[in-house]
């Protein structure tokens, strides 16, 4: 995987692009709603200001090592 570093804004745009492509493939309403909230206004702020705040929190959590995206499979239920 490419080891280049993205800015916080570039990371946001990358996530937006991923979700947009998923929306194009699925037409899922929840993705359309999320993309609407994530869309940037002329001043560069998201259409839903809470989304910008949530993004900053997510970035902080990643930088602090608090995010683990490892695949976990459910264990068999106890006997």
PDB file of N, CA and C in Angstrom:
ATOM      1  N   UNK A   1       0.845  -1.180   0.000  1.00  0.00           N
ATOM      2  CA  UNK A   1       0.000   0.000   0.000  1.00  0.00           C
ATOM      3  C   UNK A   1       0.889   1.241   0.000  1.00  0.00           C
ATOM      4  N   UNK A   2       0.458   2.261  -0.710  1.00  0.00           N
ATOM      5  CA  UNK A   2       1.188   3.520  -0.781  1.00  0.00           C
ATOM      6  C   UNK A   2       1.299   4.122   0.616  1.00  0.00           C
ATOM      7  N   UNK A   3       2.485   4.539   0.992  1.00  0.00           N
ATOM      8  CA  UNK A   3       2.726   5.075   2.329  1.00  0.00           C
ATOM      9  C   UNK A   3       2.684   6.598   2.383  1.00  0.00           C
ATOM     10  N   UNK A   4       2.183   7.257   1.333  1.00  0.00           N
ATOM     11  CA  UNK A   4       2.120   8.717   1.369  1.00  0.00           C
ATOM     12  C   UNK A   4       1.144   9.170   2.449  1.00  0.00           C
ATOM     13  N   UNK A   5       1.386  10.355   2.949  1.00  0.00           N
ATOM     14  CA  UNK A   5       0.571  10.905   4.027  1.00  0.00           C
ATOM     15  C   UNK A   5      -0.475  11.847   3.427  1.00  0.00           C
ATOM     16  N   UNK A   6      -1.696  11.704   3.894  1.00  0.00           N
ATOM     17  CA  UNK A   6      -2.776  12.594   3.476  1.00  0.00           C
ATOM     18  C   UNK A   6      -2.995  13.661   4.535  1.00  0.00           C
ATOM     19  N   UNK A   7      -3.406  14.825   4.092  1.00  0.00           N
ATOM     20  CA  UNK A   7      -3.855  15.833   5.056  1.00  0.00           C
ATOM     21  C   UNK A   7      -5.219  15.398   5.581  1.00  0.00           C
ATOM     22  N   UNK A   8      -5.675  16.060   6.626  1.00  0.00           N
ATOM     23  CA  UNK A   8      -7.000  15.758   7.168  1.00  0.00           C
ATOM     24  C   UNK A   8      -8.057  16.008   6.092  1.00  0.00           C
ATOM     25  N   UNK A   9      -7.917  17.088   5.343  1.00  0.00           N
ATOM     26  CA  UNK A   9      -8.874  17.400   4.276  1.00  0.00           C
ATOM     27  C   UNK A   9      -8.824  16.340   3.178  1.00  0.00           C
ATOM     28  N   UNK A  10      -7.641  15.920   2.772  1.00  0.00           N
ATOM     29  CA  UNK A  10      -7.521  14.890   1.741  1.00  0.00           C
ATOM     30  C   UNK A  10      -8.134  13.571   2.207  1.00  0.00           C
ATOM     31  N   UNK A  11      -7.952  13.242   3.489  1.00  0.00           N
ATOM     32  CA  UNK A  11      -8.570  12.045   4.045  1.00  0.00           C
ATOM     33  C   UNK A  11     -10.081  12.131   3.999  1.00  0.00           C
ATOM     34  N   UNK A  12     -10.608  13.304   4.307  1.00  0.00           N
ATOM     35  CA  UNK A  12     -12.053  13.541   4.261  1.00  0.00           C
ATOM     36  C   UNK A  12     -12.562  13.339   2.840  1.00  0.00           C
ATOM     37  N   UNK A  13     -11.853  13.919   1.880  1.00  0.00           N
ATOM     38  CA  UNK A  13     -12.252  13.789   0.479  1.00  0.00           C
ATOM     39  C   UNK A  13     -12.143  12.342   0.002  1.00  0.00           C
ATOM     40  N   UNK A  14     -11.140  11.619   0.487  1.00  0.00           N
ATOM     41  CA  UNK A  14     -11.006  10.209   0.122  1.00  0.00           C
ATOM     42  C   UNK A  14     -12.189   9.405   0.653  1.00  0.00           C
ATOM     43  N   UNK A  15     -12.591   9.672   1.902  1.00  0.00           N
ATOM     44  CA  UNK A  15     -13.744   8.973   2.472  1.00  0.00           C
ATOM     45  C   UNK A  15     -15.007   9.346   1.707  1.00  0.00           C
ATOM     46  N   UNK A  16     -15.161  10.616   1.367  1.00  0.00           N
ATOM     47  CA  UNK A  16     -16.312  11.055   0.596  1.00  0.00           C
ATOM     48  C   UNK A  16     -16.369  10.313  -0.744  1.00  0.00           C
ATOM     49  N   UNK A  17     -15.236  10.224  -1.407  1.00  0.00           N
ATOM     50  CA  UNK A  17     -15.182   9.546  -2.699  1.00  0.00           C
ATOM     51  C   UNK A  17     -15.561   8.071  -2.567  1.00  0.00           C
ATOM     52  N   UNK A  18     -15.053   7.415  -1.545  1.00  0.00           N
ATOM     53  CA  UNK A  18     -15.385   6.003  -1.320  1.00  0.00           C
ATOM     54  C   UNK A  18     -16.889   5.843  -1.115  1.00  0.00           C
ATOM     55  N   UNK A  19     -17.463   6.665  -0.250  1.00  0.00           N
ATOM     56  CA  UNK A  19     -18.895   6.573   0.014  1.00  0.00           C
ATOM     57  C   UNK A  19     -19.718   6.929  -1.216  1.00  0.00           C
ATOM     58  N   UNK A  20     -19.255   7.902  -1.991  1.00  0.00           N
ATOM     59  CA  UNK A  20     -19.969   8.281  -3.206  1.00  0.00           C
ATOM     60  C   UNK A  20     -19.986   7.131  -4.208  1.00  0.00           C
ATOM     61  N   UNK A  21     -18.854   6.457  -4.361  1.00  0.00           N
ATOM     62  CA  UNK A  21     -18.809   5.320  -5.285  1.00  0.00           C
ATOM     63  C   UNK A  21     -19.680   4.177  -4.792  1.00  0.00           C
ATOM     64  N   UNK A  22     -19.725   3.965  -3.485  1.00  0.00           N
ATOM     65  CA  UNK A  22     -20.628   2.944  -2.939  1.00  0.00           C
ATOM     66  C   UNK A  22     -22.076   3.324  -3.214  1.00  0.00           C
ATOM     67  N   UNK A  23     -22.383   4.617  -3.065  1.00  0.00           N
ATOM     68  CA  UNK A  23     -23.737   5.084  -3.356  1.00  0.00           C
ATOM     69  C   UNK A  23     -24.083   4.843  -4.827  1.00  0.00           C
ATOM     70  N   UNK A  24     -23.162   5.151  -5.725  1.00  0.00           N
ATOM     71  CA  UNK A  24     -23.418   4.929  -7.150  1.00  0.00           C
ATOM     72  C   UNK A  24     -23.690   3.455  -7.436  1.00  0.00           C
ATOM     73  N   UNK A  25     -23.004   2.560  -6.732  1.00  0.00           N
ATOM     74  CA  UNK A  25     -23.186   1.118  -6.934  1.00  0.00           C
ATOM     75  C   UNK A  25     -24.495   0.602  -6.339  1.00  0.00           C
ATOM     76  N   UNK A  26     -24.919   1.214  -5.216  1.00  0.00           N
ATOM     77  CA  UNK A  26     -26.048   0.658  -4.474  1.00  0.00           C
ATOM     78  C   UNK A  26     -27.315   1.504  -4.521  1.00  0.00           C
ATOM     79  N   UNK A  27     -27.161   2.815  -4.658  1.00  0.00           N
ATOM     80  CA  UNK A  27     -28.307   3.713  -4.589  1.00  0.00           C
ATOM     81  C   UNK A  27     -28.925   3.776  -3.204  1.00  0.00           C
ATOM     82  N   UNK A  28     -28.175   3.365  -2.175  1.00  0.00           N
ATOM     83  CA  UNK A  28     -28.700   3.311  -0.809  1.00  0.00           C
ATOM     84  C   UNK A  28     -29.020   4.707  -0.278  1.00  0.00           C
ATOM     85  N   UNK A  29     -30.247   4.878   0.206  1.00  0.00           N
ATOM     86  CA  UNK A  29     -30.690   6.172   0.727  1.00  0.00           C
ATOM     87  C   UNK A  29     -29.821   6.660   1.881  1.00  0.00           C
ATOM     88  N   UNK A  30     -29.404   5.760   2.773  1.00  0.00           N
ATOM     89  CA  UNK A  30     -28.614   6.193   3.923  1.00  0.00           C
ATOM     90  C   UNK A  30     -27.287   6.782   3.473  1.00  0.00           C
ATOM     91  N   UNK A  31     -26.727   6.267   2.370  1.00  0.00           N
ATOM     92  CA  UNK A  31     -25.485   6.839   1.852  1.00  0.00           C
ATOM     93  C   UNK A  31     -25.747   8.217   1.241  1.00  0.00           C
ATOM     94  N   UNK A  32     -26.864   8.374   0.554  1.00  0.00           N
ATOM     95  CA  UNK A  32     -27.220   9.680  -0.010  1.00  0.00           C
ATOM     96  C   UNK A  32     -27.353  10.713   1.104  1.00  0.00           C
ATOM     97  N   UNK A  33     -28.001  10.335   2.201  1.00  0.00           N
ATOM     98  CA  UNK A  33     -28.153  11.247   3.335  1.00  0.00           C
ATOM     99  C   UNK A  33     -26.800  11.610   3.937  1.00  0.00           C
ATOM    100  N   UNK A  34     -25.953  10.622   4.121  1.00  0.00           N
ATOM    101  CA  UNK A  34     -24.626  10.861   4.678  1.00  0.00           C
ATOM    102  C   UNK A  34     -23.804  11.758   3.763  1.00  0.00           C
ATOM    103  N   UNK A  35     -23.841  11.488   2.474  1.00  0.00           N
ATOM    104  CA  UNK A  35     -23.101  12.313   1.518  1.00  0.00           C
ATOM    105  C   UNK A  35     -23.614  13.748   1.509  1.00  0.00           C
ATOM    106  N   UNK A  36     -24.919  13.922   1.648  1.00  0.00           N
ATOM    107  CA  UNK A  36     -25.474  15.267   1.735  1.00  0.00           C
ATOM    108  C   UNK A  36     -24.911  16.019   2.933  1.00  0.00           C
ATOM    109  N   UNK A  37     -24.845  15.339   4.075  1.00  0.00           N
ATOM    110  CA  UNK A  37     -24.289  15.952   5.287  1.00  0.00           C
ATOM    111  C   UNK A  37     -22.800  16.252   5.128  1.00  0.00           C
ATOM    112  N   UNK A  38     -22.094  15.373   4.419  1.00  0.00           N
ATOM    113  CA  UNK A  38     -20.648  15.521   4.244  1.00  0.00           C
ATOM    114  C   UNK A  38     -20.269  16.535   3.169  1.00  0.00           C
ATOM    115  N   UNK A  39     -21.183  16.853   2.263  1.00  0.00           N
ATOM    116  CA  UNK A  39     -20.864  17.763   1.158  1.00  0.00           C
ATOM    117  C   UNK A  39     -20.340  19.083   1.697  1.00  0.00           C
ATOM    118  N   UNK A  40     -19.358  19.638   1.001  1.00  0.00           N
ATOM    119  CA  UNK A  40     -18.722  20.877   1.442  1.00  0.00           C
ATOM    120  C   UNK A  40     -19.378  22.085   0.791  1.00  0.00           C
ATOM    121  N   UNK A  41     -19.609  23.095   1.602  1.00  0.00           N
ATOM    122  CA  UNK A  41     -20.140  24.356   1.116  1.00  0.00           C
ATOM    123  C   UNK A  41     -18.995  25.198   0.558  1.00  0.00           C
ATOM    124  N   UNK A  42     -19.321  26.345  -0.020  1.00  0.00           N
ATOM    125  CA  UNK A  42     -18.301  27.195  -0.630  1.00  0.00           C
ATOM    126  C   UNK A  42     -17.194  27.588   0.337  1.00  0.00           C
ATOM    127  N   UNK A  43     -17.521  27.707   1.626  1.00  0.00           N
ATOM    128  CA  UNK A  43     -16.511  28.096   2.610  1.00  0.00           C
ATOM    129  C   UNK A  43     -15.675  26.909   3.095  1.00  0.00           C
ATOM    130  N   UNK A  44     -15.938  25.706   2.541  1.00  0.00           N
ATOM    131  CA  UNK A  44     -15.154  24.522   2.896  1.00  0.00           C
ATOM    132  C   UNK A  44     -15.669  23.763   4.095  1.00  0.00           C
ATOM    133  N   UNK A  45     -16.727  24.240   4.719  1.00  0.00           N
ATOM    134  CA  UNK A  45     -17.326  23.569   5.874  1.00  0.00           C
ATOM    135  C   UNK A  45     -18.394  22.611   5.360  1.00  0.00           C
ATOM    136  N   UNK A  46     -18.569  21.489   6.061  1.00  0.00           N
ATOM    137  CA  UNK A  46     -19.577  20.521   5.630  1.00  0.00           C
ATOM    138  C   UNK A  46     -20.980  21.091   5.771  1.00  0.00           C
ATOM    139  N   UNK A  47     -21.888  20.599   4.943  1.00  0.00           N
ATOM    140  CA  UNK A  47     -23.281  21.049   4.966  1.00  0.00           C
ATOM    141  C   UNK A  47     -23.896  20.863   6.352  1.00  0.00           C
ATOM    142  N   UNK A  48     -23.482  19.827   7.056  1.00  0.00           N
ATOM    143  CA  UNK A  48     -23.893  19.612   8.441  1.00  0.00           C
ATOM    144  C   UNK A  48     -22.663  19.849   9.309  1.00  0.00           C
ATOM    145  N   UNK A  49     -22.592  20.978  10.014  1.00  0.00           N
ATOM    146  CA  UNK A  49     -21.397  21.300  10.804  1.00  0.00           C
ATOM    147  C   UNK A  49     -21.014  20.205  11.802  1.00  0.00           C
ATOM    148  N   UNK A  50     -21.977  19.451  12.279  1.00  0.00           N
ATOM    149  CA  UNK A  50     -21.665  18.361  13.203  1.00  0.00           C
ATOM    150  C   UNK A  50     -20.791  17.316  12.518  1.00  0.00           C
ATOM    151  N   UNK A  51     -20.928  17.173  11.194  1.00  0.00           N
ATOM    152  CA  UNK A  51     -20.126  16.200  10.465  1.00  0.00           C
ATOM    153  C   UNK A  51     -18.647  16.558  10.532  1.00  0.00           C
ATOM    154  N   UNK A  52     -18.331  17.847  10.403  1.00  0.00           N
ATOM    155  CA  UNK A  52     -16.937  18.291  10.505  1.00  0.00           C
ATOM    156  C   UNK A  52     -16.380  17.970  11.884  1.00  0.00           C
ATOM    157  N   UNK A  53     -17.183  18.210  12.905  1.00  0.00           N
ATOM    158  CA  UNK A  53     -16.755  17.912  14.275  1.00  0.00           C
ATOM    159  C   UNK A  53     -16.551  16.408  14.458  1.00  0.00           C
ATOM    160  N   UNK A  54     -17.472  15.612  13.947  1.00  0.00           N
ATOM    161  CA  UNK A  54     -17.335  14.155  14.043  1.00  0.00           C
ATOM    162  C   UNK A  54     -16.079  13.676  13.329  1.00  0.00           C
ATOM    163  N   UNK A  55     -15.783  14.293  12.165  1.00  0.00           N
ATOM    164  CA  UNK A  55     -14.584  13.916  11.413  1.00  0.00           C
ATOM    165  C   UNK A  55     -13.328  14.234  12.227  1.00  0.00           C
ATOM    166  N   UNK A  56     -13.274  15.408  12.832  1.00  0.00           N
ATOM    167  CA  UNK A  56     -12.110  15.787  13.634  1.00  0.00           C
ATOM    168  C   UNK A  56     -11.924  14.829  14.813  1.00  0.00           C
ATOM    169  N   UNK A  57     -13.014  14.421  15.433  1.00  0.00           N
ATOM    170  CA  UNK A  57     -12.941  13.447  16.533  1.00  0.00           C
ATOM    171  C   UNK A  57     -12.388  12.126  16.018  1.00  0.00           C
ATOM    172  N   UNK A  58     -12.879  11.683  14.863  1.00  0.00           N
ATOM    173  CA  UNK A  58     -12.396  10.420  14.290  1.00  0.00           C
ATOM    174  C   UNK A  58     -10.908  10.502  13.985  1.00  0.00           C
ATOM    175  N   UNK A  59     -10.458  11.607  13.423  1.00  0.00           N
ATOM    176  CA  UNK A  59      -9.032  11.780  13.122  1.00  0.00           C
ATOM    177  C   UNK A  59      -8.220  11.726  14.413  1.00  0.00           C
ATOM    178  N   UNK A  60      -8.671  12.400  15.444  1.00  0.00           N
ATOM    179  CA  UNK A  60      -7.974  12.380  16.737  1.00  0.00           C
ATOM    180  C   UNK A  60      -7.887  10.968  17.298  1.00  0.00           C
ATOM    181  N   UNK A  61      -8.983  10.225  17.193  1.00  0.00           N
ATOM    182  CA  UNK A  61      -8.988   8.849  17.711  1.00  0.00           C
ATOM    183  C   UNK A  61      -7.982   7.974  16.956  1.00  0.00           C
ATOM    184  N   UNK A  62      -7.884   8.175  15.652  1.00  0.00           N
ATOM    185  CA  UNK A  62      -6.908   7.407  14.875  1.00  0.00           C
ATOM    186  C   UNK A  62      -5.495   7.784  15.307  1.00  0.00           C
ATOM    187  N   UNK A  63      -5.216   9.069  15.424  1.00  0.00           N
ATOM    188  CA  UNK A  63      -3.882   9.529  15.812  1.00  0.00           C
ATOM    189  C   UNK A  63      -3.496   9.037  17.200  1.00  0.00           C
ATOM    190  N   UNK A  64      -4.482   8.860  18.075  1.00  0.00           N
ATOM    191  CA  UNK A  64      -4.235   8.374  19.438  1.00  0.00           C
ATOM    192  C   UNK A  64      -4.166   6.847  19.507  1.00  0.00           C
ATOM    193  N   UNK A  65      -4.329   6.186  18.365  1.00  0.00           N
ATOM    194  CA  UNK A  65      -4.264   4.727  18.343  1.00  0.00           C
ATOM    195  C   UNK A  65      -5.481   4.049  18.927  1.00  0.00           C
ATOM    196  N   UNK A  66      -6.617   4.725  18.918  1.00  0.00           N
ATOM    197  CA  UNK A  66      -7.837   4.182  19.521  1.00  0.00           C
ATOM    198  C   UNK A  66      -8.750   3.470  18.526  1.00  0.00           C
ATOM    199  N   UNK A  67      -8.326   3.350  17.266  1.00  0.00           N
ATOM    200  CA  UNK A  67      -9.178   2.721  16.256  1.00  0.00           C
ATOM    201  C   UNK A  67      -8.518   1.426  15.804  1.00  0.00           C
ATOM    202  N   UNK A  68      -9.259   0.340  15.880  1.00  0.00           N
ATOM    203  CA  UNK A  68      -8.784  -0.974  15.443  1.00  0.00           C
ATOM    204  C   UNK A  68      -9.767  -1.498  14.404  1.00  0.00           C
ATOM    205  N   UNK A  69      -9.326  -1.562  13.169  1.00  0.00           N
ATOM    206  CA  UNK A  69     -10.205  -2.009  12.084  1.00  0.00           C
ATOM    207  C   UNK A  69      -9.954  -3.461  11.709  1.00  0.00           C
ATOM    208  N   UNK A  70      -9.409  -4.227  12.640  1.00  0.00           N
ATOM    209  CA  UNK A  70      -9.141  -5.639  12.373  1.00  0.00           C
ATOM    210  C   UNK A  70     -10.438  -6.413  12.189  1.00  0.00           C
ATOM    211  N   UNK A  71     -10.420  -7.345  11.267  1.00  0.00           N
ATOM    212  CA  UNK A  71     -11.577  -8.203  11.040  1.00  0.00           C
ATOM    213  C   UNK A  71     -11.750  -9.138  12.223  1.00  0.00           C
ATOM    214  N   UNK A  72     -12.959  -9.170  12.728  1.00  0.00           N
ATOM    215  CA  UNK A  72     -13.279 -10.073  13.841  1.00  0.00           C
ATOM    216  C   UNK A  72     -14.458 -10.932  13.425  1.00  0.00           C
ATOM    217  N   UNK A  73     -14.321 -12.216  13.579  1.00  0.00           N
ATOM    218  CA  UNK A  73     -15.399 -13.132  13.270  1.00  0.00           C
ATOM    219  C   UNK A  73     -16.105 -13.505  14.558  1.00  0.00           C
ATOM    220  N   UNK A  74     -17.409 -13.587  14.495  1.00  0.00           N
ATOM    221  CA  UNK A  74     -18.179 -13.949  15.688  1.00  0.00           C
ATOM    222  C   UNK A  74     -17.832 -15.382  16.091  1.00  0.00           C
ATOM    223  N   UNK A  75     -17.698 -15.567  17.354  1.00  0.00           N
ATOM    224  CA  UNK A  75     -17.430 -16.916  17.891  1.00  0.00           C
ATOM    225  C   UNK A  75     -18.732 -17.673  17.979  1.00  0.00           C
ATOM    226  N   UNK A  76     -18.614 -18.998  17.989  1.00  0.00           N
ATOM    227  CA  UNK A  76     -19.818 -19.800  18.185  1.00  0.00           C
ATOM    228  C   UNK A  76     -20.425 -19.464  19.538  1.00  0.00           C
ATOM    229  N   UNK A  77     -21.752 -19.407  19.600  1.00  0.00           N
ATOM    230  CA  UNK A  77     -22.371 -19.090  20.904  1.00  0.00           C
ATOM    231  C   UNK A  77     -22.053 -20.189  21.912  1.00  0.00           C
ATOM    232  N   UNK A  78     -21.975 -19.801  23.189  1.00  0.00           N
ATOM    233  CA  UNK A  78     -21.679 -20.819  24.212  1.00  0.00           C
ATOM    234  C   UNK A  78     -22.725 -21.924  24.209  1.00  0.00           C
ATOM    235  N   UNK A  79     -22.240 -23.160  24.470  1.00  0.00           N
ATOM    236  CA  UNK A  79     -23.041 -24.379  24.463  1.00  0.00           C
ATOM    237  C   UNK A  79     -24.222 -24.314  25.275  1.00  0.00           C
TER     238      UNK A  79
END
